[in-house]
């Protein structure tokens, strides 16, 4: 799982790569955001931290609204544990941060270390 921070502009800028799939920005039409709940500490003393990592500022706002709407369902499903969800913000140009779709639970991919980059070949 990774975020393309190399491209300065174009369709690859800010693209998420999860499990061999690319999630690119289509500004104003479809953008993606990761919503994560991270916990640390013992069972009774866990203090959750929520992380929003979006491709645009409006996607972070959309993830916040999604969490506010869905917090009870998420609590039933995940309890007090950690999770990472990939959300898609649809038609933000017309609808703002209000139309959000759950794309996938990517918790497993988020916990899997990224492969080491290949070493350059010796010449």
N, C-alpha and C. Protein backbone atom coordinates (compact mmCIF):
# COMPACT_ATOMS: atom_id res chain seq x y z
N UNK A 1 0.85 -1.16 0.00
CA UNK A 1 0.00 0.00 0.00
C UNK A 1 0.90 1.23 0.00
N UNK A 2 0.58 2.19 -0.86
CA UNK A 2 1.40 3.38 -0.92
C UNK A 2 0.68 4.54 -1.57
N UNK A 3 1.31 5.71 -1.47
CA UNK A 3 0.80 6.93 -2.08
C UNK A 3 1.89 7.47 -3.00
N UNK A 4 1.50 7.81 -4.22
CA UNK A 4 2.47 8.36 -5.17
C UNK A 4 2.75 9.81 -4.81
N UNK A 5 3.92 10.04 -4.26
CA UNK A 5 4.33 11.40 -3.91
C UNK A 5 5.36 11.94 -4.90
N UNK A 6 5.68 11.16 -5.91
CA UNK A 6 6.70 11.56 -6.89
C UNK A 6 6.15 12.49 -7.97
N UNK A 7 4.96 12.18 -8.47
CA UNK A 7 4.40 12.98 -9.56
C UNK A 7 3.95 14.34 -9.02
N UNK A 8 4.34 15.41 -9.71
CA UNK A 8 3.95 16.76 -9.29
C UNK A 8 2.56 17.12 -9.78
N UNK A 9 2.17 16.59 -10.93
CA UNK A 9 0.84 16.85 -11.46
C UNK A 9 0.46 15.69 -12.37
N UNK A 10 -0.78 15.72 -12.81
CA UNK A 10 -1.26 14.66 -13.69
C UNK A 10 -2.00 13.59 -12.92
N UNK A 11 -2.46 12.55 -13.63
CA UNK A 11 -3.32 11.54 -13.01
C UNK A 11 -2.63 10.69 -11.95
N UNK A 12 -1.31 10.63 -11.95
CA UNK A 12 -0.58 9.82 -10.97
C UNK A 12 -0.32 10.55 -9.65
N UNK A 13 -0.45 11.88 -9.65
CA UNK A 13 -0.17 12.66 -8.45
C UNK A 13 -1.15 12.28 -7.34
N UNK A 14 -0.61 11.83 -6.23
CA UNK A 14 -1.45 11.48 -5.08
C UNK A 14 -2.20 10.18 -5.21
N UNK A 15 -1.93 9.41 -6.25
CA UNK A 15 -2.65 8.14 -6.45
C UNK A 15 -2.30 7.16 -5.34
N UNK A 16 -3.32 6.44 -4.86
CA UNK A 16 -3.11 5.38 -3.88
C UNK A 16 -2.87 4.09 -4.64
N UNK A 17 -1.92 3.28 -4.18
CA UNK A 17 -1.69 1.95 -4.74
C UNK A 17 -1.93 0.95 -3.63
N UNK A 18 -2.98 0.14 -3.80
CA UNK A 18 -3.37 -0.82 -2.78
C UNK A 18 -3.59 -2.16 -3.45
N UNK A 19 -2.80 -3.15 -3.05
CA UNK A 19 -2.95 -4.50 -3.59
C UNK A 19 -2.86 -4.57 -5.10
N UNK A 20 -1.96 -3.82 -5.69
CA UNK A 20 -1.78 -3.84 -7.14
C UNK A 20 -2.78 -2.99 -7.91
N UNK A 21 -3.69 -2.35 -7.23
CA UNK A 21 -4.71 -1.50 -7.85
C UNK A 21 -4.37 -0.03 -7.59
N UNK A 22 -4.51 0.81 -8.62
CA UNK A 22 -4.27 2.24 -8.47
C UNK A 22 -5.60 2.97 -8.35
N UNK A 23 -5.64 3.92 -7.42
CA UNK A 23 -6.82 4.76 -7.22
C UNK A 23 -6.37 6.19 -7.46
N UNK A 24 -6.68 6.69 -8.66
CA UNK A 24 -6.22 8.01 -9.10
C UNK A 24 -7.27 9.10 -8.86
N UNK A 25 -6.78 10.30 -8.75
CA UNK A 25 -7.63 11.48 -8.62
C UNK A 25 -8.25 11.80 -9.98
N UNK A 26 -9.55 11.99 -10.00
CA UNK A 26 -10.24 12.56 -11.15
C UNK A 26 -10.95 13.78 -10.57
N UNK A 27 -10.22 14.87 -10.48
CA UNK A 27 -10.62 16.05 -9.73
C UNK A 27 -12.06 16.47 -9.98
N UNK A 28 -12.81 16.57 -8.88
CA UNK A 28 -14.20 16.99 -8.94
C UNK A 28 -15.17 15.87 -9.29
N UNK A 29 -14.66 14.74 -9.76
CA UNK A 29 -15.53 13.62 -10.16
C UNK A 29 -15.40 12.44 -9.21
N UNK A 30 -14.17 11.99 -9.01
CA UNK A 30 -13.94 10.90 -8.04
C UNK A 30 -12.55 11.05 -7.45
N UNK A 31 -12.53 11.11 -6.13
CA UNK A 31 -11.29 11.21 -5.38
C UNK A 31 -11.37 10.22 -4.23
N UNK A 32 -10.24 9.85 -3.69
CA UNK A 32 -10.19 8.82 -2.66
C UNK A 32 -9.58 9.34 -1.37
N UNK A 33 -9.96 8.68 -0.28
CA UNK A 33 -9.46 9.04 1.04
C UNK A 33 -9.37 7.76 1.88
N UNK A 34 -8.33 7.67 2.69
CA UNK A 34 -8.21 6.58 3.65
C UNK A 34 -8.70 7.09 4.99
N UNK A 35 -9.54 6.31 5.63
CA UNK A 35 -10.04 6.59 6.97
C UNK A 35 -9.53 5.47 7.85
N UNK A 36 -8.71 5.81 8.84
CA UNK A 36 -8.13 4.80 9.71
C UNK A 36 -8.44 5.11 11.17
N UNK A 37 -8.71 4.04 11.90
CA UNK A 37 -8.81 4.13 13.35
C UNK A 37 -7.65 3.31 13.88
N UNK A 38 -6.78 3.96 14.63
CA UNK A 38 -5.59 3.32 15.17
C UNK A 38 -5.70 3.31 16.69
N UNK A 39 -5.37 2.18 17.29
CA UNK A 39 -5.41 2.08 18.75
C UNK A 39 -4.10 1.50 19.25
N UNK A 40 -3.76 1.88 20.45
CA UNK A 40 -2.56 1.35 21.09
C UNK A 40 -2.88 1.21 22.58
N UNK A 41 -2.08 0.44 23.27
CA UNK A 41 -2.29 0.27 24.70
C UNK A 41 -3.09 -0.98 25.00
N UNK A 42 -3.35 -1.22 26.27
CA UNK A 42 -4.09 -2.40 26.71
C UNK A 42 -5.56 -2.31 26.37
N UNK A 43 -6.24 -3.39 26.58
CA UNK A 43 -7.68 -3.50 26.25
C UNK A 43 -8.50 -2.38 26.89
N UNK A 44 -8.38 -2.18 28.17
CA UNK A 44 -9.21 -1.21 28.87
C UNK A 44 -8.75 0.22 28.73
N UNK A 45 -7.54 0.44 28.26
CA UNK A 45 -7.00 1.80 28.20
C UNK A 45 -6.70 2.28 26.79
N UNK A 46 -7.23 1.61 25.79
CA UNK A 46 -6.96 1.99 24.40
C UNK A 46 -7.57 3.36 24.11
N UNK A 47 -6.79 4.21 23.51
CA UNK A 47 -7.23 5.54 23.11
C UNK A 47 -7.16 5.60 21.60
N UNK A 48 -8.30 5.64 20.93
CA UNK A 48 -8.25 5.64 19.46
C UNK A 48 -7.79 6.99 18.90
N UNK A 49 -7.13 6.90 17.76
CA UNK A 49 -6.75 8.07 16.98
C UNK A 49 -7.32 7.84 15.59
N UNK A 50 -8.00 8.83 15.05
CA UNK A 50 -8.54 8.72 13.70
C UNK A 50 -7.65 9.50 12.75
N UNK A 51 -7.36 8.88 11.61
CA UNK A 51 -6.50 9.48 10.60
C UNK A 51 -7.28 9.56 9.30
N UNK A 52 -7.26 10.72 8.67
CA UNK A 52 -7.85 10.92 7.36
C UNK A 52 -6.71 11.27 6.42
N UNK A 53 -6.55 10.53 5.36
CA UNK A 53 -5.48 10.77 4.40
C UNK A 53 -6.11 10.82 3.01
N UNK A 54 -6.44 12.02 2.56
CA UNK A 54 -7.15 12.17 1.30
C UNK A 54 -6.30 12.75 0.20
N UNK A 55 -6.80 12.61 -1.00
CA UNK A 55 -6.11 13.14 -2.18
C UNK A 55 -6.32 14.64 -2.34
N UNK A 56 -7.40 15.15 -1.77
CA UNK A 56 -7.69 16.58 -1.80
C UNK A 56 -8.29 16.95 -0.45
N UNK A 57 -8.31 18.22 -0.13
CA UNK A 57 -8.83 18.66 1.17
C UNK A 57 -10.29 18.25 1.35
N UNK A 58 -11.08 18.33 0.29
CA UNK A 58 -12.50 18.00 0.41
C UNK A 58 -12.70 16.53 0.76
N UNK A 59 -11.75 15.66 0.38
CA UNK A 59 -11.89 14.24 0.71
C UNK A 59 -11.71 14.01 2.21
N UNK A 60 -10.86 14.79 2.85
CA UNK A 60 -10.70 14.68 4.30
C UNK A 60 -11.99 15.10 5.01
N UNK A 61 -12.61 16.15 4.51
CA UNK A 61 -13.89 16.60 5.07
C UNK A 61 -14.96 15.53 4.85
N UNK A 62 -14.96 14.89 3.69
CA UNK A 62 -15.92 13.84 3.40
C UNK A 62 -15.73 12.64 4.33
N UNK A 63 -14.47 12.29 4.60
CA UNK A 63 -14.21 11.17 5.52
C UNK A 63 -14.68 11.49 6.93
N UNK A 64 -14.52 12.74 7.35
CA UNK A 64 -14.99 13.16 8.66
C UNK A 64 -16.50 13.03 8.76
N UNK A 65 -17.20 13.45 7.73
CA UNK A 65 -18.65 13.33 7.72
C UNK A 65 -19.10 11.87 7.66
N UNK A 66 -18.38 11.05 6.90
CA UNK A 66 -18.67 9.62 6.83
C UNK A 66 -18.54 9.00 8.21
N UNK A 67 -17.46 9.33 8.91
CA UNK A 67 -17.25 8.80 10.26
C UNK A 67 -18.37 9.24 11.20
N UNK A 68 -18.78 10.49 11.13
CA UNK A 68 -19.86 10.99 11.99
C UNK A 68 -21.17 10.25 11.72
N UNK A 69 -21.45 9.96 10.44
CA UNK A 69 -22.68 9.24 10.07
C UNK A 69 -22.63 7.76 10.44
N UNK A 70 -21.46 7.14 10.25
CA UNK A 70 -21.34 5.69 10.35
C UNK A 70 -20.67 5.19 11.62
N UNK A 71 -20.40 6.05 12.59
CA UNK A 71 -19.62 5.62 13.76
C UNK A 71 -20.24 4.47 14.53
N UNK A 72 -21.56 4.43 14.64
CA UNK A 72 -22.20 3.33 15.37
C UNK A 72 -22.03 2.01 14.64
N UNK A 73 -22.22 2.02 13.33
CA UNK A 73 -22.04 0.79 12.53
C UNK A 73 -20.59 0.33 12.58
N UNK A 74 -19.66 1.26 12.48
CA UNK A 74 -18.24 0.91 12.54
C UNK A 74 -17.88 0.34 13.91
N UNK A 75 -18.44 0.91 14.98
CA UNK A 75 -18.17 0.40 16.33
C UNK A 75 -18.71 -1.02 16.49
N UNK A 76 -19.87 -1.31 15.92
CA UNK A 76 -20.42 -2.68 16.00
C UNK A 76 -19.53 -3.65 15.23
N UNK A 77 -19.05 -3.23 14.07
CA UNK A 77 -18.28 -4.12 13.22
C UNK A 77 -16.86 -4.34 13.75
N UNK A 78 -16.18 -3.29 14.20
CA UNK A 78 -14.77 -3.38 14.56
C UNK A 78 -14.51 -3.33 16.06
N UNK A 79 -15.54 -3.05 16.85
CA UNK A 79 -15.33 -2.93 18.29
C UNK A 79 -14.35 -1.81 18.58
N UNK A 80 -13.40 -2.09 19.46
CA UNK A 80 -12.41 -1.06 19.81
C UNK A 80 -11.10 -1.25 19.04
N UNK A 81 -11.13 -2.11 18.02
CA UNK A 81 -9.92 -2.39 17.24
C UNK A 81 -9.64 -1.37 16.15
N UNK A 82 -8.49 -1.55 15.54
CA UNK A 82 -8.06 -0.68 14.44
C UNK A 82 -8.68 -1.12 13.12
N UNK A 83 -8.83 -0.16 12.21
CA UNK A 83 -9.27 -0.48 10.85
C UNK A 83 -8.76 0.60 9.90
N UNK A 84 -8.72 0.26 8.61
CA UNK A 84 -8.38 1.21 7.55
C UNK A 84 -9.37 0.98 6.42
N UNK A 85 -10.09 2.02 6.05
CA UNK A 85 -11.09 1.94 4.99
C UNK A 85 -10.71 2.86 3.84
N UNK A 86 -10.94 2.40 2.63
CA UNK A 86 -10.76 3.23 1.44
C UNK A 86 -12.14 3.74 1.04
N UNK A 87 -12.29 5.05 0.99
CA UNK A 87 -13.56 5.69 0.62
C UNK A 87 -13.38 6.44 -0.69
N UNK A 88 -14.46 6.51 -1.45
CA UNK A 88 -14.47 7.26 -2.70
C UNK A 88 -15.45 8.42 -2.55
N UNK A 89 -14.99 9.61 -2.85
CA UNK A 89 -15.84 10.80 -2.83
C UNK A 89 -16.29 11.04 -4.27
N UNK A 90 -17.61 11.02 -4.46
CA UNK A 90 -18.19 11.07 -5.80
C UNK A 90 -18.73 12.46 -6.09
N UNK A 91 -18.34 13.00 -7.25
CA UNK A 91 -18.87 14.26 -7.78
C UNK A 91 -18.77 15.40 -6.77
N UNK A 92 -17.58 15.59 -6.20
CA UNK A 92 -17.41 16.65 -5.20
C UNK A 92 -17.60 18.04 -5.80
N UNK A 93 -17.40 18.15 -7.10
CA UNK A 93 -17.58 19.45 -7.76
C UNK A 93 -19.03 19.92 -7.62
N UNK A 94 -19.99 19.01 -7.71
CA UNK A 94 -21.40 19.37 -7.60
C UNK A 94 -21.96 19.14 -6.20
N UNK A 95 -21.53 18.06 -5.53
CA UNK A 95 -22.13 17.65 -4.26
C UNK A 95 -21.29 17.97 -3.04
N UNK A 96 -20.08 18.48 -3.24
CA UNK A 96 -19.20 18.73 -2.11
C UNK A 96 -18.80 17.42 -1.45
N UNK A 97 -18.65 17.41 -0.13
CA UNK A 97 -18.18 16.22 0.57
C UNK A 97 -19.30 15.27 0.99
N UNK A 98 -20.48 15.41 0.41
CA UNK A 98 -21.65 14.66 0.89
C UNK A 98 -21.85 13.27 0.32
N UNK A 99 -21.30 12.96 -0.84
CA UNK A 99 -21.53 11.65 -1.45
C UNK A 99 -20.25 10.83 -1.33
N UNK A 100 -20.29 9.85 -0.43
CA UNK A 100 -19.13 9.03 -0.12
C UNK A 100 -19.52 7.57 -0.21
N UNK A 101 -18.68 6.78 -0.88
CA UNK A 101 -18.92 5.34 -1.00
C UNK A 101 -17.77 4.59 -0.35
N UNK A 102 -18.09 3.51 0.35
CA UNK A 102 -17.07 2.62 0.88
C UNK A 102 -16.58 1.76 -0.28
N UNK A 103 -15.28 1.84 -0.59
CA UNK A 103 -14.70 1.04 -1.66
C UNK A 103 -14.27 -0.30 -1.11
N UNK A 104 -13.50 -0.27 0.00
CA UNK A 104 -12.99 -1.53 0.55
C UNK A 104 -12.42 -1.32 1.95
N UNK A 105 -12.43 -2.41 2.71
CA UNK A 105 -11.71 -2.47 3.97
C UNK A 105 -10.28 -2.90 3.59
N UNK A 106 -9.32 -2.02 3.77
CA UNK A 106 -7.94 -2.29 3.35
C UNK A 106 -7.02 -2.45 4.57
N UNK A 107 -7.59 -2.87 5.68
CA UNK A 107 -6.82 -3.03 6.91
C UNK A 107 -5.65 -3.99 6.71
N UNK A 108 -5.91 -5.12 6.09
CA UNK A 108 -4.85 -6.12 5.89
C UNK A 108 -3.72 -5.54 5.03
N UNK A 109 -4.07 -4.88 3.94
CA UNK A 109 -3.04 -4.28 3.06
C UNK A 109 -2.25 -3.21 3.80
N UNK A 110 -2.91 -2.46 4.67
CA UNK A 110 -2.23 -1.40 5.42
C UNK A 110 -1.23 -1.97 6.42
N UNK A 111 -1.51 -3.17 6.91
CA UNK A 111 -0.61 -3.79 7.90
C UNK A 111 0.50 -4.62 7.26
N UNK A 112 0.44 -4.81 5.96
CA UNK A 112 1.46 -5.59 5.25
C UNK A 112 2.58 -4.66 4.82
N UNK A 113 3.82 -4.96 5.22
CA UNK A 113 4.93 -4.10 4.81
C UNK A 113 5.07 -4.04 3.30
N UNK A 114 5.39 -2.87 2.79
CA UNK A 114 5.61 -2.70 1.35
C UNK A 114 6.89 -3.44 0.97
N UNK A 115 6.94 -4.01 -0.24
CA UNK A 115 8.16 -4.69 -0.67
C UNK A 115 9.31 -3.70 -0.81
N UNK A 116 10.49 -4.18 -0.54
CA UNK A 116 11.69 -3.34 -0.69
C UNK A 116 11.91 -3.02 -2.15
N UNK A 117 12.30 -1.80 -2.49
CA UNK A 117 12.58 -1.48 -3.90
C UNK A 117 13.78 -2.30 -4.38
N UNK A 118 13.74 -2.65 -5.64
CA UNK A 118 14.82 -3.43 -6.22
C UNK A 118 16.10 -2.59 -6.26
N UNK A 119 17.21 -3.22 -5.97
CA UNK A 119 18.50 -2.54 -6.01
C UNK A 119 18.89 -2.32 -7.48
N UNK A 120 19.53 -1.18 -7.79
CA UNK A 120 19.93 -0.93 -9.18
C UNK A 120 20.96 -1.99 -9.62
N UNK A 121 20.89 -2.36 -10.86
CA UNK A 121 21.82 -3.36 -11.40
C UNK A 121 23.21 -2.76 -11.51
N UNK A 122 24.20 -3.57 -11.17
CA UNK A 122 25.59 -3.12 -11.27
C UNK A 122 26.02 -3.10 -12.73
N UNK A 123 26.80 -2.09 -13.11
CA UNK A 123 27.24 -2.04 -14.50
C UNK A 123 28.72 -2.32 -14.62
